[in-house]
Protein backbone atom coordinates (compact mmCIF):
# COMPACT_ATOMS: atom_id res chain seq x y z
CA UNK A 1 84.35 100.48 128.93
CA UNK A 2 85.08 103.69 126.85
CA UNK A 3 86.90 106.23 129.36
CA UNK A 4 83.96 108.93 129.18
CA UNK A 5 86.03 111.59 130.38
CA UNK A 6 87.81 111.68 127.69
CA UNK A 7 86.08 114.37 124.83
CA UNK A 8 87.49 112.55 122.28
CA UNK A 9 85.39 109.20 123.87
CA UNK A 10 82.14 111.09 124.61
CA UNK A 11 79.53 113.59 123.02
CA UNK A 12 79.36 113.15 119.30
CA UNK A 13 83.00 112.33 119.11
CA UNK A 14 82.25 108.60 120.78
CA UNK A 15 82.28 105.52 118.25
CA UNK A 16 79.21 104.62 116.34
CA UNK A 17 79.63 101.12 116.82
CA UNK A 18 77.17 100.04 113.95
CA UNK A 19 77.59 99.65 110.17
CA UNK A 20 74.83 99.46 108.20
CA UNK A 21 72.22 100.40 105.64
CA UNK A 22 69.68 102.91 105.82
CA UNK A 23 66.65 103.82 102.87
CA UNK A 24 64.50 106.42 101.59
CA UNK A 25 65.59 109.48 104.37
CA UNK A 26 63.36 111.52 105.61
CA UNK A 27 64.10 115.11 103.35
CA UNK A 28 63.26 118.46 103.95
CA UNK A 29 62.75 120.89 101.17
CA UNK A 30 63.70 119.21 97.72
CA UNK A 31 67.21 117.36 97.21
CA UNK A 32 68.40 118.69 93.18
CA UNK A 33 67.90 115.71 91.02
CA UNK A 34 70.74 116.40 89.32
CA UNK A 35 73.27 115.45 92.59
CA UNK A 36 73.58 112.06 91.56
CA UNK A 37 76.12 110.14 93.31
CA UNK A 38 77.47 110.28 97.19
CA UNK A 39 78.83 112.65 100.23
CA UNK A 40 81.36 110.35 101.58
CA UNK A 41 83.18 110.67 104.44
CA UNK A 42 85.33 109.35 106.72
CA UNK A 43 86.56 109.76 110.81
CA UNK A 44 87.69 108.03 114.00
CA UNK A 45 85.18 105.13 115.04
CA UNK A 46 87.41 102.44 117.90
CA UNK A 47 85.96 99.60 117.72
CA UNK A 48 87.45 98.67 120.78
CA UNK A 49 88.39 100.69 124.52
CA UNK A 50 91.60 102.06 123.81
CA UNK A 51 94.02 100.24 125.59
CA UNK A 52 96.10 103.75 126.89
CA UNK A 53 95.08 107.20 126.74
CA UNK A 54 93.29 107.90 123.08
CA UNK A 55 93.72 110.63 120.91
CA UNK A 56 91.11 111.79 117.78
CA UNK A 57 93.74 110.80 115.42
CA UNK A 58 93.64 107.07 116.64
CA UNK A 59 90.11 105.25 115.96
CA UNK A 60 89.41 102.52 113.78
CA UNK A 61 88.57 104.24 110.32
CA UNK A 62 85.07 104.30 109.62
CA UNK A 63 83.27 104.99 106.28
CA UNK A 64 79.93 106.98 105.68
CA UNK A 65 78.47 107.38 102.63
CA UNK A 66 74.88 109.74 101.67
CA UNK A 67 73.76 108.37 98.84
CA UNK A 68 71.70 110.57 95.88
CA UNK A 69 69.84 109.70 92.74
CA UNK A 70 66.82 110.95 91.63
CA UNK A 71 65.98 113.33 94.19
CA UNK A 72 66.09 110.54 96.82
CA UNK A 73 69.17 109.76 99.72
CA UNK A 74 69.88 106.10 101.48
CA UNK A 75 72.72 105.88 103.43
CA UNK A 76 75.60 103.07 104.07
CA UNK A 77 78.43 103.00 106.49
CA UNK A 78 81.49 100.38 106.90
CA UNK A 79 84.62 99.89 109.10
CA UNK A 80 87.90 100.25 106.88
CA UNK A 81 88.87 96.52 107.62
CA UNK A 82 92.76 97.04 108.09
CA UNK A 83 94.99 94.57 109.19
CA UNK A 84 95.71 95.79 112.69
CA UNK A 85 91.33 96.15 113.10
CA UNK A 86 90.75 92.15 111.76
CA UNK A 87 93.77 91.95 113.87
CA UNK A 88 92.57 93.42 117.13
CA UNK A 89 88.61 91.96 116.01
CA UNK A 90 90.37 87.94 116.60
CA UNK A 91 91.83 89.11 120.13
CA UNK A 92 88.59 91.33 121.18
CA UNK A 93 90.32 93.62 122.33
CA UNK A 94 92.54 96.84 121.04
CA UNK A 95 96.44 95.69 120.97
CA UNK A 96 97.98 98.75 119.44
CA UNK A 97 99.58 102.26 120.80
CA UNK A 98 98.09 105.74 119.85
CA UNK A 99 99.77 108.86 119.26
CA UNK A 100 99.93 109.24 122.85
CA UNK A 101 100.08 106.43 123.98
CA UNK A 102 102.37 102.71 123.29
CA UNK A 103 100.59 99.53 123.87
CA UNK A 104 101.70 97.28 127.31
CA UNK A 105 102.36 94.61 124.93
CA UNK A 106 103.84 94.75 121.49
CA UNK A 107 101.86 92.63 119.00
CA UNK A 108 103.83 90.88 116.62
CA UNK A 109 102.61 93.77 113.95
CA UNK A 110 104.55 96.12 115.67
CA UNK A 111 103.10 98.90 118.39
CA UNK A 112 101.00 101.34 115.03
CA UNK A 113 98.76 99.95 113.21
CA UNK A 114 97.53 101.23 109.83
CA UNK A 115 93.62 103.50 111.33
CA UNK A 116 92.46 104.01 107.83
CA UNK A 117 91.01 107.19 109.05
CA UNK A 118 91.67 110.45 107.35
CA UNK A 119 90.56 111.15 104.07
CA UNK A 120 88.63 109.43 101.39
CA UNK A 121 88.45 109.85 97.18
CA UNK A 122 87.38 108.32 94.07
CA UNK A 123 90.62 107.44 92.34
CA UNK A 124 91.25 104.85 89.41
CA UNK A 125 87.00 103.50 89.86
CA UNK A 126 87.88 102.89 93.56
CA UNK A 127 88.02 104.48 96.79
CA UNK A 128 91.12 105.01 98.63
CA UNK A 129 91.01 105.70 102.60
CA UNK A 130 94.14 106.72 103.19
CA UNK A 131 95.78 107.81 106.70
CA UNK A 132 99.48 109.76 106.91
CA UNK A 133 101.99 107.03 108.54
CA UNK A 134 101.12 104.24 105.74
CA UNK A 135 99.58 102.78 102.51
CA UNK A 136 96.03 103.94 102.05
CA UNK A 137 93.66 101.07 101.60
CA UNK A 138 91.41 100.56 98.44
CA UNK A 139 87.55 100.09 99.22
CA UNK A 140 84.54 99.23 96.66
CA UNK A 141 83.23 102.32 94.95
CA UNK A 142 79.28 101.32 95.45
CA UNK A 143 79.82 99.18 98.35
CA UNK A 144 82.06 100.67 100.82
CA UNK A 145 83.87 96.42 101.56
CA UNK A 146 87.47 96.73 102.27
CA UNK A 147 89.49 95.41 99.45
CA UNK A 148 93.09 95.89 101.16
CA UNK A 149 96.40 98.18 100.90
CA UNK A 150 96.93 100.02 97.65
CA UNK A 151 100.23 100.93 96.93
CA UNK A 152 100.27 101.88 93.16
CA UNK A 153 101.12 98.53 90.95
CA UNK A 154 103.80 97.76 93.65
CA UNK A 155 105.68 100.85 93.13
CA UNK A 156 104.75 103.08 96.53
CA UNK A 157 106.20 101.69 99.48
CA UNK A 158 106.53 104.03 101.69
CA UNK A 159 103.32 106.99 103.16
CA UNK A 160 101.64 108.43 101.50
CA UNK A 161 99.45 112.07 102.76
CA UNK A 162 95.82 111.78 103.56
CA UNK A 163 95.55 115.40 101.11
CA UNK A 164 96.95 114.60 97.86
CA UNK A 165 95.65 116.89 95.25
CA UNK A 166 94.77 116.28 91.94
CA UNK A 167 95.84 117.94 88.67
CA UNK A 168 93.25 119.87 86.66
CA UNK A 169 94.86 119.47 83.68
CA UNK A 170 95.78 116.40 83.27
CA UNK A 171 93.71 114.48 86.07
CA UNK A 172 97.56 113.23 87.38
CA UNK A 173 97.61 112.80 91.15
CA UNK A 174 99.92 114.47 93.66
CA UNK A 175 101.06 113.32 96.97
CA UNK A 176 103.83 112.79 98.82
CA UNK A 177 104.98 110.66 102.19
CA UNK A 178 106.73 111.70 105.23
CA UNK A 179 108.84 109.20 107.68
CA UNK A 180 110.61 110.53 111.04
CA UNK A 181 114.36 109.28 109.36
CA UNK A 182 115.39 109.88 105.04
CA UNK A 183 114.64 110.76 103.42
CA UNK A 184 112.13 112.50 105.47
CA UNK A 185 109.76 113.59 102.67
CA UNK A 186 109.10 111.88 99.12
CA UNK A 187 106.67 114.18 96.41
CA UNK A 188 104.98 111.02 94.21
CA UNK A 189 102.97 111.84 90.71
CA UNK A 190 100.82 108.82 89.56
CA UNK A 191 98.24 109.06 85.97
CA UNK A 192 94.51 108.10 86.39
CA UNK A 193 95.08 105.15 85.99
CA UNK A 194 96.62 104.17 89.35
CA UNK A 195 100.39 103.88 88.22
CA UNK A 196 103.02 105.85 90.02
CA UNK A 197 104.95 107.99 87.96
CA UNK A 198 108.06 109.41 89.27
CA UNK A 199 109.07 110.15 92.60
CA UNK A 200 111.59 112.57 94.39
CA UNK A 201 112.93 113.03 98.05
CA UNK A 202 113.16 116.09 99.45
CA UNK A 203 115.41 117.06 101.94
CA UNK A 204 113.12 118.76 104.05
CA UNK A 205 115.79 118.93 107.32
CA UNK A 206 113.79 117.84 109.59
CA UNK A 207 112.02 115.10 110.95
CA UNK A 208 107.96 116.69 110.77
CA UNK A 209 104.69 115.85 110.90
CA UNK A 210 103.45 117.17 107.43
CA UNK A 211 99.90 117.33 106.93
CA UNK A 212 99.08 118.47 104.11
CA UNK A 213 100.84 120.66 100.67
CA UNK A 214 99.94 122.90 98.14
CA UNK A 215 100.38 122.43 94.19
CA UNK A 216 100.00 124.60 91.35
CA UNK A 217 101.22 124.18 87.89
CA UNK A 218 104.81 124.65 87.65
CA UNK A 219 105.79 123.66 92.06
CA UNK A 220 104.65 121.60 95.04
CA UNK A 221 104.97 123.69 97.71
CA UNK A 222 105.83 122.17 101.03
CA UNK A 223 105.90 124.08 105.03
CA UNK A 224 108.43 122.13 106.72
CA UNK A 225 106.91 123.40 110.47
CA UNK A 226 108.43 122.54 113.86
CA UNK A 227 106.55 119.94 115.43
CA UNK A 228 109.69 117.66 115.33
CA UNK A 229 109.41 113.76 115.57
CA UNK A 230 111.87 112.69 118.53
CA UNK A 231 111.72 109.08 118.79
CA UNK A 232 113.94 109.03 121.72
CA UNK A 233 110.85 110.54 124.24
CA UNK A 234 108.99 107.15 123.64
CA UNK A 235 111.55 105.16 126.02
CA UNK A 236 110.75 107.89 127.85
CA UNK A 237 107.31 108.16 128.27
CA UNK A 238 106.92 110.53 126.40
CA UNK A 239 105.14 112.01 122.93
CA UNK A 240 107.15 111.00 119.71
CA UNK A 241 106.12 114.34 118.87
CA UNK A 242 108.06 117.73 119.77
CA UNK A 243 107.16 121.64 119.42
CA UNK A 244 110.45 123.41 119.14
CA UNK A 245 109.39 126.67 117.92
CA UNK A 246 113.12 127.66 117.36
CA UNK A 247 113.38 125.68 114.28
CA UNK A 248 111.49 128.38 112.72
CA UNK A 249 109.31 127.51 109.65
CA UNK A 250 110.86 126.56 106.28
CA UNK A 251 109.07 127.08 102.72
CA UNK A 252 110.10 124.82 99.87
CA UNK A 253 109.20 125.20 96.29
CA UNK A 254 110.01 122.45 94.31
CA UNK A 255 110.13 123.05 90.66
CA UNK A 256 107.72 120.02 89.29
CA UNK A 257 109.73 119.56 86.34
CA UNK A 258 113.20 120.44 86.96
CA UNK A 259 112.75 118.68 90.95
CA UNK A 260 114.99 122.21 91.70
CA UNK A 261 113.75 122.95 94.96
CA UNK A 262 114.23 126.57 96.76
CA UNK A 263 114.11 127.56 100.41
CA UNK A 264 112.11 130.40 102.48
CA UNK A 265 112.71 130.82 106.20
CA UNK A 266 109.96 132.65 108.61
CA UNK A 267 108.88 132.40 111.90
CA UNK A 268 106.81 129.80 113.28
CA UNK A 269 103.69 128.17 113.11
CA UNK A 270 101.50 125.15 111.96
CA UNK A 271 99.40 124.68 109.70
CA UNK A 272 96.99 121.09 109.44
CA UNK A 273 95.47 121.90 106.70
CA UNK A 274 95.21 124.25 103.20
CA UNK A 275 93.36 125.48 101.21
CA UNK A 276 94.67 126.36 97.82
CA UNK A 277 97.82 127.80 95.96
CA UNK A 278 97.99 129.82 92.68
CA UNK A 279 100.68 131.48 90.77
CA UNK A 280 101.33 135.18 90.75
CA UNK A 281 103.49 137.95 88.96
CA UNK A 282 106.00 135.58 89.94
CA UNK A 283 105.37 134.36 93.75
CA UNK A 284 103.10 131.87 95.18
CA UNK A 285 100.16 132.91 96.97
CA UNK A 286 99.04 130.17 99.30
CA UNK A 287 96.02 130.38 101.40
CA UNK A 288 95.54 128.43 104.67
CA UNK A 289 94.57 128.36 107.99
CA UNK A 290 97.57 128.93 110.41
CA UNK A 291 97.74 127.94 114.14
CA UNK A 292 100.03 129.59 116.10
CA UNK A 293 101.62 126.86 117.42
CA UNK A 294 100.50 122.98 118.21
CA UNK A 295 100.07 120.89 120.85
CA UNK A 296 99.33 117.22 120.45
CA UNK A 297 98.89 115.92 124.05
CA UNK A 298 96.45 117.73 125.27
CA UNK A 299 92.49 117.74 124.64
CA UNK A 300 92.78 120.74 122.32
CA UNK A 301 95.69 121.42 119.79
CA UNK A 302 96.13 124.96 120.62
CA UNK A 303 95.37 128.55 120.13
CA UNK A 304 92.80 128.42 117.09
CA UNK A 305 93.75 128.19 113.58
CA UNK A 306 92.80 131.38 111.88
CA UNK A 307 93.05 132.32 107.63
CA UNK A 308 95.92 133.15 106.74
CA UNK A 309 97.46 133.71 103.54
CA UNK A 310 100.97 133.59 102.84
CA UNK A 311 102.46 135.14 99.94
CA UNK A 312 106.34 133.35 99.07
CA UNK A 313 108.47 134.99 96.47
CA UNK A 314 112.01 133.14 96.37
CA UNK A 315 113.22 136.00 93.95
CA UNK A 316 113.46 138.47 97.24
CA UNK A 317 113.78 135.51 99.44
CA UNK A 318 110.49 136.89 101.49
CA UNK A 319 107.43 135.73 103.62
CA UNK A 320 104.17 137.64 103.57
CA UNK A 321 101.68 136.55 106.17
CA UNK A 322 98.59 138.77 106.33
CA UNK A 323 95.68 137.31 108.71
CA UNK A 324 92.10 137.90 106.84
CA UNK A 325 90.06 138.14 109.75
CA UNK A 326 89.39 136.92 113.86
CA UNK A 327 87.10 133.67 112.94
CA UNK A 328 88.64 130.44 114.13
CA UNK A 329 88.15 128.12 111.00
CA UNK A 330 89.32 124.87 109.81
CA UNK A 331 88.37 121.95 107.21
CA UNK A 332 89.25 124.84 104.18
CA UNK A 333 87.78 123.42 100.93
CA UNK A 334 87.42 124.88 97.21
CA UNK A 335 86.06 124.31 93.70
CA UNK A 336 88.19 121.15 93.06
CA UNK A 337 88.38 122.15 89.37
CA UNK A 338 90.30 125.16 90.87
CA UNK A 339 93.20 123.37 92.29
CA UNK A 340 96.85 125.07 91.90
CA UNK A 341 94.41 128.31 90.11
CA UNK A 342 93.76 131.69 91.36
CA UNK A 343 90.22 131.36 93.54
CA UNK A 344 87.57 133.93 94.35
CA UNK A 345 85.44 131.59 97.29
CA UNK A 346 86.52 129.45 100.30
CA UNK A 347 84.55 127.24 102.69
CA UNK A 348 84.97 126.29 106.22
CA UNK A 349 84.34 125.09 109.40
CA UNK A 350 84.13 127.45 111.88
CA UNK A 351 83.08 129.33 115.09
CA UNK A 352 82.95 132.64 116.16
CA UNK A 353 86.24 134.15 117.76
CA UNK A 354 86.31 133.09 121.96
CA UNK A 355 83.45 130.80 121.55
CA UNK A 356 83.96 127.65 123.95
CA UNK A 357 81.81 124.83 122.99
CA UNK A 358 82.83 121.47 125.03
CA UNK A 359 82.11 118.76 123.44
CA UNK A 360 80.37 119.96 120.16
CA UNK A 361 83.16 121.25 117.53
CA UNK A 362 82.46 124.23 115.16
CA UNK A 363 79.94 126.58 115.04
CA UNK A 364 79.25 127.45 111.90
CA UNK A 365 79.96 127.15 107.77
CA UNK A 366 82.28 130.04 106.29
CA UNK A 367 82.48 131.22 102.85
CA UNK A 368 84.89 133.63 102.25
CA UNK A 369 85.17 135.88 98.93
CA UNK A 370 88.93 136.82 98.61
CA UNK A 371 87.94 139.29 96.00
CA UNK A 372 85.62 141.33 98.04
CA UNK A 373 86.78 140.65 101.48
CA UNK A 374 83.25 139.39 103.01
CA UNK A 375 82.93 136.39 104.80
CA UNK A 376 78.82 134.77 104.40
CA UNK A 377 77.54 132.31 107.78
CA UNK A 378 75.46 129.73 107.33
CA UNK A 379 74.40 129.37 111.44
CA UNK A 380 71.62 126.86 112.02
CA UNK A 381 71.47 126.67 115.64
CA UNK A 382 73.41 126.67 119.15
CA UNK A 383 72.68 122.70 119.75
CA UNK A 384 73.77 122.48 115.35
CA UNK A 385 77.19 122.06 114.64
CA UNK A 386 78.84 121.09 111.53
CA UNK A 387 81.62 119.03 109.76
CA UNK A 388 83.45 119.68 107.13
CA UNK A 389 81.84 121.64 104.01
CA UNK A 390 81.99 119.76 100.53
CA UNK A 391 81.37 122.23 96.92
CA UNK A 392 79.93 120.58 94.30
CA UNK A 393 79.55 121.99 91.21
CA UNK A 394 75.49 122.20 89.55
CA UNK A 395 77.80 121.29 86.30
CA UNK A 396 81.18 120.60 84.40
CA UNK A 397 81.09 124.12 82.65
CA UNK A 398 79.09 126.00 86.46
CA UNK A 399 81.16 128.72 87.24
CA UNK A 400 82.82 128.69 91.07
CA UNK A 401 80.37 129.57 92.58
CA UNK A 402 77.42 127.90 90.78
CA UNK A 403 76.92 124.58 93.44
CA UNK A 404 75.49 122.86 95.96
CA UNK A 405 77.24 122.86 99.48
CA UNK A 406 77.22 120.12 101.98
CA UNK A 407 78.02 119.30 105.20
CA UNK A 408 77.06 116.50 107.75
CA UNK A 409 75.81 118.30 110.74
CA UNK A 410 75.09 116.97 114.43
CA UNK A 411 72.01 118.26 116.59
CA UNK A 412 73.18 117.83 120.15
CA UNK A 413 69.34 118.29 120.81
CA UNK A 414 67.79 115.16 119.41
CA UNK A 415 71.11 113.53 118.83
CA UNK A 416 71.16 112.59 115.53
CA UNK A 417 72.86 113.60 112.39
CA UNK A 418 71.58 115.10 108.75
CA UNK A 419 73.65 116.55 105.89
CA UNK A 420 72.98 120.18 104.87
CA UNK A 421 72.78 121.00 100.92
CA UNK A 422 72.54 124.32 100.37
CA UNK A 423 72.73 127.13 97.11
CA UNK A 424 76.47 128.45 97.23
CA UNK A 425 75.28 131.65 95.66
CA UNK A 426 72.52 131.60 98.49
CA UNK A 427 75.15 130.54 101.35
CA UNK A 428 73.20 132.35 104.27
CA UNK A 429 69.81 131.42 102.97
CA UNK A 430 67.42 128.13 103.85
CA UNK A 431 69.16 124.65 102.99
CA UNK A 432 67.93 123.48 99.74
CA UNK A 433 67.59 120.09 101.50
CA UNK A 434 67.99 118.38 104.97
CA UNK A 435 68.82 114.98 105.20
CA UNK A 436 67.37 113.30 108.10
CA UNK A 437 69.44 110.48 109.16
CA UNK A 438 67.72 108.03 112.13
CA UNK A 439 71.58 108.33 114.38
CA UNK A 440 74.14 110.17 114.86
CA UNK A 441 77.97 110.62 112.54
CA UNK A 442 79.98 111.13 114.97
CA UNK A 443 83.10 114.39 114.22
CA UNK A 444 85.16 113.38 111.72
CA UNK A 445 87.55 114.15 108.98
CA UNK A 446 87.22 114.31 105.78
CA UNK A 447 85.43 113.56 102.59
CA UNK A 448 84.86 114.13 98.90
CA UNK A 449 81.75 113.80 96.59
CA UNK A 450 81.54 110.66 94.15
CA UNK A 451 79.62 111.72 91.26
CA UNK A 452 77.69 108.75 89.82
CA UNK A 453 80.01 108.59 86.65
CA UNK A 454 82.83 107.95 88.63
CA UNK A 455 81.57 104.85 90.20
CA UNK A 456 80.66 102.55 87.66
CA UNK A 457 79.37 102.68 84.20
CA UNK A 458 75.72 102.01 85.29
CA UNK A 459 74.90 105.24 86.82
CA UNK A 460 71.70 103.92 88.95
CA UNK A 461 73.29 103.13 92.50
CA UNK A 462 73.38 99.98 93.62
CA UNK A 463 72.20 100.55 96.97
CA UNK A 464 67.92 100.93 96.79
CA UNK A 465 67.96 104.82 97.64
CA UNK A 466 63.71 102.90 98.15
CA UNK A 467 62.37 101.31 101.14
CA UNK A 468 61.02 100.82 104.33
CA UNK A 469 63.90 99.39 106.89
CA UNK A 470 67.39 100.11 108.03
CA UNK A 471 70.12 96.66 108.84
CA UNK A 472 72.43 97.63 110.84
CA UNK A 473 74.65 95.21 112.46
CA UNK A 474 77.08 95.23 115.26
């Protein structure tokens, strides 16, 4: 049985143990017909009750796709069939350890498995399920079925971040990997076809958990925050990550051509997710969700994350940090066409200051205008909790606020989920469409819009959108 006292295994964090297809979904409002693709999301969903203390980051990856075409919608979900999950299926029970616990009996494959549960991107004709502790897993764009580990034509032999960036001018995939032994960080660049072009070790000085980074046309920027790997703690029965604020934060900007890296030092904090970065006046401006500290051992992560803007001046050797407002917010997103370029708008999942809604997750979506300093809120009621917002431009030539903001919401009253499609220019208005699911989607991490043109030459989805049945299997 799952531990119901663990908040990451109860409520809408609890696993959904079925996979299948649902057709001709109920839609409140009208789904724009130009939306032709799929909102694909992923999150932790343990198939077996954990053998030790469970953390939200440990669960097996499950992919959820909401397919939209011709004003209709369908749903498909699948587990990512990693080698670790297949091994556990043969045994019929959990075998591997997690962030907070080592397994009682270490299997031949090692104490930990690649959970493949953190992010999904469309790349090189496939979906990649990402998990920062190992290689990505390749999935079929239409079927969501697992193909296997993806190693960039045998050129990548280490971990890959779950937060790569696409260079909007070239389509190149920019990413890094980190590990608890030298080289602690390695920067990589791959072309749009899956070929790894370059790899560059980075001397970060500390073995830290580095979840995300940012890039600009000229730089890759790394925040070395003091969540430090101390592997010797494992033998003592302690978590391998230690918060060491005396280390402070090192911020490095590596020139993407010369590979020269310059460093700044500032007071301690932690960043899980960055919104974006851009170059301006010889400085680098970085927008992020900043945590004052990080605690990975409990049921929360410490003080709430708050939106901050960092101005990095490597000539003067200074870091200027400005808090944007007092609304807790995370899972920041921009129009992806502006990655590394100056943005005006950012979208977040957020909560009211001082809010305490145990087990329900976030309360609202937030749209921040960095030009005017104003924020707008989309709140669907006290019983509704959103996931990460995703912005989809109306067309390739549309402006930054001409498009749609999508999110999966959990309805605590009905114990079901739905997908909202909102007009970005009328963010606080009634959503254009609400796609109703007949089950819940557990709170997860990240995802992206996959346009039909990226999924196949034939833009008609293989999954039928019209029907009267739902197929599930355990």
